[in-house]
Amino acid sequence: MAQLNESEKEVEVLASEIRHHNRLYFEKNAPEIDDFAFDALCRKLAVLAPDHPVLAEIVGDRKSTRLNSVTPI
């Protein structure tokens, strides 16, 4: 297995952080960071690795999420 260079390591750390925070938000309903910070992580990953699979994963999660309101809007 090849050694990862510094930018590849940064990409994998970002992807891991994004998955972690996405899971906390959508599965556990216990976010640790606000939406602005999460979006900043995603933007940084998109700059470093625009085709990274985690970006497609989070877009898929957000598209399939439906908001349910007790009162009609």
Protein backbone atom coordinates (compact mmCIF):
# COMPACT_ATOMS: atom_id res chain seq x y z
CA MET A 1 0.00 0.00 0.00
CA ALA A 2 1.37 3.39 -0.97
CA GLN A 3 2.06 6.08 1.58
CA LEU A 4 -0.33 9.04 1.48
CA ASN A 5 1.22 12.45 0.92
CA GLU A 6 0.19 15.40 3.11
CA SER A 7 -2.62 16.63 0.86
CA GLU A 8 -4.04 13.11 0.54
CA LYS A 9 -3.95 12.77 4.33
CA GLU A 10 -5.75 16.11 4.68
CA VAL A 11 -8.44 14.95 2.24
CA GLU A 12 -9.00 11.70 4.15
CA VAL A 13 -9.14 13.52 7.50
CA LEU A 14 -11.69 15.97 6.09
CA ALA A 15 -13.77 13.15 4.62
CA SER A 16 -13.73 11.33 7.95
CA GLU A 17 -14.77 14.49 9.82
CA ILE A 18 -17.60 15.15 7.36
CA ARG A 19 -18.91 11.59 7.67
CA HIS A 20 -18.70 11.80 11.46
CA HIS A 21 -20.61 15.07 11.67
CA ASN A 22 -23.14 13.99 9.04
CA ARG A 23 -23.86 10.81 11.02
CA LEU A 24 -24.25 12.76 14.27
CA TYR A 25 -26.65 15.20 12.63
CA PHE A 26 -28.85 12.81 10.65
CA GLU A 27 -28.69 9.55 12.61
CA LYS A 28 -28.13 10.62 16.21
CA ASN A 29 -29.79 14.06 16.17
CA ALA A 30 -26.80 15.26 18.18
CA PRO A 31 -24.72 17.70 16.12
CA GLU A 32 -21.37 18.84 17.52
CA ILE A 33 -20.86 21.69 15.05
CA ASP A 34 -23.22 24.17 13.42
CA ASP A 35 -24.25 24.13 9.76
CA PHE A 36 -21.80 26.90 8.87
CA ALA A 37 -18.83 24.88 10.18
CA PHE A 38 -20.07 21.72 8.42
CA ASP A 39 -20.46 23.60 5.14
CA ALA A 40 -16.93 25.00 5.53
CA LEU A 41 -15.57 21.45 5.85
CA CYS A 42 -17.48 20.43 2.72
CA ARG A 43 -16.27 23.45 0.76
CA LYS A 44 -12.67 22.74 1.73
CA LEU A 45 -13.00 19.11 0.63
CA ALA A 46 -14.64 20.21 -2.62
CA VAL A 47 -11.63 22.41 -3.38
CA LEU A 48 -9.07 19.73 -2.52
CA ALA A 49 -10.89 16.73 -4.02
CA PRO A 50 -14.00 17.76 -5.99
CA ASP A 51 -14.80 14.16 -6.98
CA HIS A 52 -14.43 12.64 -3.50
CA PRO A 53 -17.24 10.13 -2.83
CA VAL A 54 -18.13 11.66 0.53
CA LEU A 55 -19.41 14.76 -1.27
CA ALA A 56 -21.88 12.62 -3.22
CA GLU A 57 -22.87 10.84 0.01
CA ILE A 58 -23.81 14.03 1.81
CA VAL A 59 -25.72 15.42 -1.15
CA GLY A 60 -27.67 12.16 -1.28
CA ASP A 61 -28.40 12.35 2.45
CA ARG A 62 -29.69 15.91 2.19
CA LYS A 63 -31.88 15.18 -0.83
CA SER A 64 -33.54 12.22 0.85
CA THR A 65 -34.19 14.03 4.12
CA ARG A 66 -37.70 15.28 4.58
CA LEU A 67 -38.77 17.77 7.13
CA ASN A 68 -41.93 16.96 9.01
CA SER A 69 -43.76 19.82 10.59
CA VAL A 70 -46.46 19.46 13.23
CA THR A 71 -48.22 22.54 11.91
CA PRO A 72 -48.86 23.08 8.22
CA ILE A 73 -46.65 25.63 6.56
